Amino acid sequence: MKKEVNLDVIRGGICIYLLLGILWFFFYQVIMFFDSNALSIPEGVSHSSLFYFSFTTLTTLGYGDITPNNAFAMILTNAEALVGQIYPAVVIAKLVSLYNVESK
């Protein structure tokens, strides 16, 4: 069965990328539950900043305001950064290369 790649498939691929950021946000919440010092979060900033941190790491932007402090958090942030670069470069690029504009 050959499936055509249309605009909806590409949108689905982008949604998966965004869901990866949300997944890592939940991972960071679990880490912070077990070790509240796993990530250095500036005073006065709530734990909702983990959402911001997740997407900053996923896109490898990395402002440096929140940093991992233990080995597990470091491994997790590195894994997110790798996925954040590999997924668009491989999966999204492949979908876009297979995209066919539907003829009317």
N, C-alpha and C. Protein backbone atom coordinates (compact mmCIF):
# COMPACT_ATOMS: atom_id res chain seq x y z
N MET A 1 0.85 -1.18 0.00
CA MET A 1 0.00 0.00 0.00
C MET A 1 0.88 1.23 0.00
N LYS A 2 0.71 2.07 -0.99
CA LYS A 2 1.48 3.29 -1.09
C LYS A 2 0.61 4.45 -0.63
N LYS A 3 1.14 5.20 0.31
CA LYS A 3 0.39 6.33 0.84
C LYS A 3 1.00 7.62 0.30
N GLU A 4 0.13 8.45 -0.20
CA GLU A 4 0.61 9.75 -0.69
C GLU A 4 0.81 10.70 0.47
N VAL A 5 1.82 11.51 0.35
CA VAL A 5 2.08 12.54 1.36
C VAL A 5 1.40 13.82 0.88
N ASN A 6 0.40 14.23 1.66
CA ASN A 6 -0.27 15.49 1.35
C ASN A 6 -0.01 16.47 2.48
N LEU A 7 -0.65 17.61 2.42
CA LEU A 7 -0.43 18.65 3.42
C LEU A 7 -0.82 18.18 4.82
N ASP A 8 -1.84 17.34 4.93
CA ASP A 8 -2.26 16.84 6.24
C ASP A 8 -1.18 15.96 6.88
N VAL A 9 -0.49 15.18 6.09
CA VAL A 9 0.58 14.32 6.60
C VAL A 9 1.73 15.19 7.11
N ILE A 10 2.06 16.24 6.39
CA ILE A 10 3.12 17.16 6.83
C ILE A 10 2.70 17.86 8.11
N ARG A 11 1.46 18.30 8.18
CA ARG A 11 0.96 18.93 9.41
C ARG A 11 1.03 17.94 10.58
N GLY A 12 0.72 16.68 10.34
CA GLY A 12 0.82 15.66 11.37
C GLY A 12 2.25 15.49 11.85
N GLY A 13 3.19 15.54 10.94
CA GLY A 13 4.60 15.45 11.32
C GLY A 13 5.03 16.61 12.19
N ILE A 14 4.53 17.80 11.88
CA ILE A 14 4.84 18.98 12.69
C ILE A 14 4.18 18.85 14.07
N CYS A 15 2.98 18.33 14.12
CA CYS A 15 2.29 18.12 15.40
C CYS A 15 3.06 17.14 16.28
N ILE A 16 3.62 16.12 15.68
CA ILE A 16 4.42 15.16 16.45
C ILE A 16 5.64 15.85 17.04
N TYR A 17 6.26 16.74 16.28
CA TYR A 17 7.41 17.49 16.78
C TYR A 17 7.01 18.32 18.00
N LEU A 18 5.86 18.98 17.93
CA LEU A 18 5.38 19.76 19.08
C LEU A 18 5.04 18.86 20.26
N LEU A 19 4.47 17.69 19.98
CA LEU A 19 4.16 16.75 21.05
C LEU A 19 5.43 16.22 21.73
N LEU A 20 6.52 16.14 20.99
CA LEU A 20 7.78 15.74 21.60
C LEU A 20 8.21 16.75 22.68
N GLY A 21 8.02 18.03 22.39
CA GLY A 21 8.33 19.06 23.38
C GLY A 21 7.46 18.93 24.61
N ILE A 22 6.20 18.61 24.42
CA ILE A 22 5.28 18.43 25.56
C ILE A 22 5.65 17.18 26.34
N LEU A 23 6.05 16.11 25.64
CA LEU A 23 6.47 14.88 26.31
C LEU A 23 7.66 15.16 27.23
N TRP A 24 8.66 15.88 26.72
CA TRP A 24 9.81 16.19 27.54
C TRP A 24 9.44 17.12 28.70
N PHE A 25 8.49 17.98 28.51
CA PHE A 25 7.98 18.81 29.61
C PHE A 25 7.51 17.92 30.75
N PHE A 26 6.77 16.86 30.44
CA PHE A 26 6.32 15.93 31.47
C PHE A 26 7.50 15.18 32.10
N PHE A 27 8.48 14.82 31.29
CA PHE A 27 9.68 14.18 31.84
C PHE A 27 10.36 15.10 32.86
N TYR A 28 10.48 16.39 32.54
CA TYR A 28 11.11 17.33 33.45
C TYR A 28 10.29 17.50 34.73
N GLN A 29 8.97 17.44 34.61
CA GLN A 29 8.15 17.51 35.81
C GLN A 29 8.39 16.31 36.71
N VAL A 30 8.53 15.13 36.13
CA VAL A 30 8.81 13.93 36.91
C VAL A 30 10.17 14.05 37.59
N ILE A 31 11.17 14.51 36.85
CA ILE A 31 12.49 14.68 37.44
C ILE A 31 12.43 15.65 38.62
N MET A 32 11.73 16.76 38.44
CA MET A 32 11.64 17.76 39.50
C MET A 32 10.85 17.23 40.70
N PHE A 33 9.94 16.31 40.47
CA PHE A 33 9.19 15.70 41.57
C PHE A 33 10.12 14.90 42.47
N PHE A 34 11.03 14.14 41.85
CA PHE A 34 11.93 13.30 42.62
C PHE A 34 13.17 14.05 43.13
N ASP A 35 13.62 15.05 42.39
CA ASP A 35 14.78 15.84 42.82
C ASP A 35 14.53 17.29 42.44
N SER A 36 14.14 18.09 43.41
CA SER A 36 13.77 19.48 43.13
C SER A 36 14.97 20.34 42.73
N ASN A 37 16.18 19.80 42.88
CA ASN A 37 17.39 20.54 42.48
C ASN A 37 17.98 20.01 41.17
N ALA A 38 17.25 19.17 40.45
CA ALA A 38 17.76 18.59 39.21
C ALA A 38 17.98 19.64 38.14
N LEU A 39 17.16 20.67 38.15
CA LEU A 39 17.32 21.78 37.21
C LEU A 39 17.43 23.07 38.01
N SER A 40 18.35 23.91 37.61
CA SER A 40 18.47 25.19 38.31
C SER A 40 17.47 26.17 37.70
N ILE A 41 16.44 26.47 38.47
CA ILE A 41 15.40 27.41 38.04
C ILE A 41 15.56 28.66 38.88
N PRO A 42 15.69 29.83 38.26
CA PRO A 42 15.87 31.06 39.04
C PRO A 42 14.73 31.30 40.02
N GLU A 43 15.05 31.95 41.13
CA GLU A 43 14.03 32.25 42.13
C GLU A 43 12.94 33.11 41.54
N GLY A 44 11.73 32.89 42.00
CA GLY A 44 10.60 33.66 41.51
C GLY A 44 9.99 33.12 40.23
N VAL A 45 10.61 32.10 39.67
CA VAL A 45 10.11 31.49 38.43
C VAL A 45 9.40 30.20 38.81
N SER A 46 8.20 29.99 38.30
CA SER A 46 7.42 28.81 38.65
C SER A 46 7.89 27.58 37.87
N HIS A 47 7.40 26.44 38.27
CA HIS A 47 7.74 25.21 37.57
C HIS A 47 7.08 25.14 36.19
N SER A 48 6.17 26.04 35.91
CA SER A 48 5.61 26.07 34.55
C SER A 48 6.67 26.50 33.55
N SER A 49 7.78 27.03 34.04
CA SER A 49 8.87 27.40 33.15
C SER A 49 9.52 26.16 32.54
N LEU A 50 9.18 24.98 33.05
CA LEU A 50 9.69 23.74 32.46
C LEU A 50 9.18 23.56 31.03
N PHE A 51 7.99 24.08 30.76
CA PHE A 51 7.44 24.04 29.39
C PHE A 51 8.32 24.88 28.47
N TYR A 52 8.65 26.06 28.93
CA TYR A 52 9.55 26.96 28.20
C TYR A 52 10.91 26.29 28.00
N PHE A 53 11.44 25.69 29.08
CA PHE A 53 12.74 25.03 29.02
C PHE A 53 12.74 23.88 28.02
N SER A 54 11.64 23.12 28.00
CA SER A 54 11.55 21.99 27.09
C SER A 54 11.64 22.43 25.63
N PHE A 55 10.91 23.44 25.27
CA PHE A 55 10.92 23.87 23.87
C PHE A 55 12.20 24.63 23.52
N THR A 56 12.80 25.29 24.49
CA THR A 56 14.09 25.94 24.27
C THR A 56 15.16 24.88 24.01
N THR A 57 15.08 23.78 24.73
CA THR A 57 16.03 22.69 24.53
C THR A 57 15.74 21.94 23.24
N LEU A 58 14.48 21.68 22.94
CA LEU A 58 14.10 20.96 21.72
C LEU A 58 14.61 21.68 20.48
N THR A 59 14.53 22.98 20.49
CA THR A 59 14.99 23.76 19.34
C THR A 59 16.47 24.10 19.42
N THR A 60 17.14 23.64 20.47
CA THR A 60 18.55 23.89 20.77
C THR A 60 18.87 25.37 20.82
N LEU A 61 17.91 26.17 21.22
CA LEU A 61 18.14 27.60 21.37
C LEU A 61 18.97 27.85 22.62
N GLY A 62 18.55 27.31 23.75
CA GLY A 62 19.33 27.31 24.98
C GLY A 62 19.80 28.67 25.46
N TYR A 63 18.96 29.39 26.16
CA TYR A 63 19.35 30.69 26.70
C TYR A 63 20.30 30.55 27.88
N GLY A 64 20.26 29.44 28.60
CA GLY A 64 21.14 29.22 29.73
C GLY A 64 20.59 29.67 31.06
N ASP A 65 19.35 30.16 31.08
CA ASP A 65 18.77 30.59 32.34
C ASP A 65 18.34 29.42 33.22
N ILE A 66 18.00 28.30 32.62
CA ILE A 66 17.69 27.07 33.35
C ILE A 66 18.68 26.02 32.85
N THR A 67 19.36 25.38 33.79
CA THR A 67 20.37 24.39 33.40
C THR A 67 20.20 23.12 34.22
N PRO A 68 20.56 21.97 33.64
CA PRO A 68 20.48 20.71 34.40
C PRO A 68 21.62 20.63 35.42
N ASN A 69 21.32 20.05 36.58
CA ASN A 69 22.32 19.95 37.65
C ASN A 69 22.78 18.54 37.94
N ASN A 70 21.98 17.52 37.59
CA ASN A 70 22.43 16.16 37.86
C ASN A 70 22.59 15.39 36.55
N ALA A 71 23.24 14.23 36.64
CA ALA A 71 23.60 13.47 35.44
C ALA A 71 22.37 13.05 34.64
N PHE A 72 21.31 12.60 35.32
CA PHE A 72 20.13 12.16 34.59
C PHE A 72 19.47 13.31 33.83
N ALA A 73 19.38 14.47 34.46
CA ALA A 73 18.80 15.63 33.79
C ALA A 73 19.66 16.06 32.61
N MET A 74 20.97 15.95 32.75
CA MET A 74 21.88 16.30 31.64
C MET A 74 21.68 15.35 30.46
N ILE A 75 21.56 14.07 30.75
CA ILE A 75 21.34 13.08 29.69
C ILE A 75 20.00 13.34 29.00
N LEU A 76 18.98 13.63 29.78
CA LEU A 76 17.65 13.88 29.22
C LEU A 76 17.63 15.13 28.34
N THR A 77 18.29 16.19 28.78
CA THR A 77 18.32 17.41 27.97
C THR A 77 19.12 17.20 26.69
N ASN A 78 20.21 16.44 26.77
CA ASN A 78 20.97 16.15 25.56
C ASN A 78 20.16 15.30 24.59
N ALA A 79 19.42 14.34 25.11
CA ALA A 79 18.58 13.50 24.25
C ALA A 79 17.50 14.35 23.57
N GLU A 80 16.90 15.27 24.32
CA GLU A 80 15.88 16.13 23.72
C GLU A 80 16.48 16.99 22.61
N ALA A 81 17.66 17.54 22.86
CA ALA A 81 18.31 18.36 21.84
C ALA A 81 18.63 17.55 20.59
N LEU A 82 19.08 16.31 20.77
CA LEU A 82 19.36 15.46 19.61
C LEU A 82 18.10 15.16 18.82
N VAL A 83 17.03 14.79 19.52
CA VAL A 83 15.76 14.51 18.84
C VAL A 83 15.25 15.78 18.17
N GLY A 84 15.43 16.91 18.83
CA GLY A 84 14.97 18.18 18.28
C GLY A 84 15.66 18.56 16.98
N GLN A 85 16.87 18.06 16.77
CA GLN A 85 17.59 18.33 15.53
C GLN A 85 17.38 17.23 14.49
N ILE A 86 17.37 15.98 14.95
CA ILE A 86 17.27 14.86 14.01
C ILE A 86 15.87 14.73 13.42
N TYR A 87 14.85 14.90 14.25
CA TYR A 87 13.47 14.72 13.76
C TYR A 87 13.15 15.65 12.58
N PRO A 88 13.36 16.96 12.71
CA PRO A 88 13.05 17.81 11.54
C PRO A 88 13.96 17.53 10.35
N ALA A 89 15.24 17.25 10.63
CA ALA A 89 16.19 17.03 9.54
C ALA A 89 15.89 15.76 8.76
N VAL A 90 15.39 14.74 9.42
CA VAL A 90 15.16 13.47 8.74
C VAL A 90 13.68 13.29 8.40
N VAL A 91 12.83 13.32 9.41
CA VAL A 91 11.41 12.97 9.19
C VAL A 91 10.68 14.07 8.42
N ILE A 92 10.75 15.28 8.91
CA ILE A 92 10.03 16.37 8.22
C ILE A 92 10.59 16.58 6.82
N ALA A 93 11.91 16.53 6.69
CA ALA A 93 12.51 16.70 5.36
C ALA A 93 12.06 15.59 4.40
N LYS A 94 11.97 14.36 4.90
CA LYS A 94 11.51 13.25 4.06
C LYS A 94 10.05 13.45 3.64
N LEU A 95 9.21 13.88 4.59
CA LEU A 95 7.81 14.13 4.26
C LEU A 95 7.68 15.23 3.21
N VAL A 96 8.44 16.29 3.38
CA VAL A 96 8.36 17.40 2.43
C VAL A 96 8.87 16.96 1.06
N SER A 97 9.90 16.12 1.02
CA SER A 97 10.42 15.66 -0.27
C SER A 97 9.42 14.74 -0.99
N LEU A 98 8.57 14.04 -0.22
CA LEU A 98 7.57 13.16 -0.82
C LEU A 98 6.24 13.85 -1.08
N TYR A 99 6.15 15.11 -0.70
CA TYR A 99 4.90 15.85 -0.82
C TYR A 99 4.55 16.03 -2.30
N ASN A 100 3.30 15.70 -2.60
CA ASN A 100 2.78 15.90 -3.96
C ASN A 100 1.62 16.87 -3.89
N VAL A 101 1.70 17.91 -4.68
CA VAL A 101 0.57 18.83 -4.75
C VAL A 101 -0.53 18.13 -5.53
N GLU A 102 -1.69 18.07 -4.89
CA GLU A 102 -2.81 17.39 -5.52
C GLU A 102 -3.27 18.19 -6.73
N SER A 103 -3.36 17.50 -7.87
CA SER A 103 -3.83 18.19 -9.08
C SER A 103 -5.35 18.20 -9.09
N LYS A 104 -5.90 19.30 -9.55
CA LYS A 104 -7.36 19.46 -9.56
C LYS A 104 -7.93 19.00 -10.88
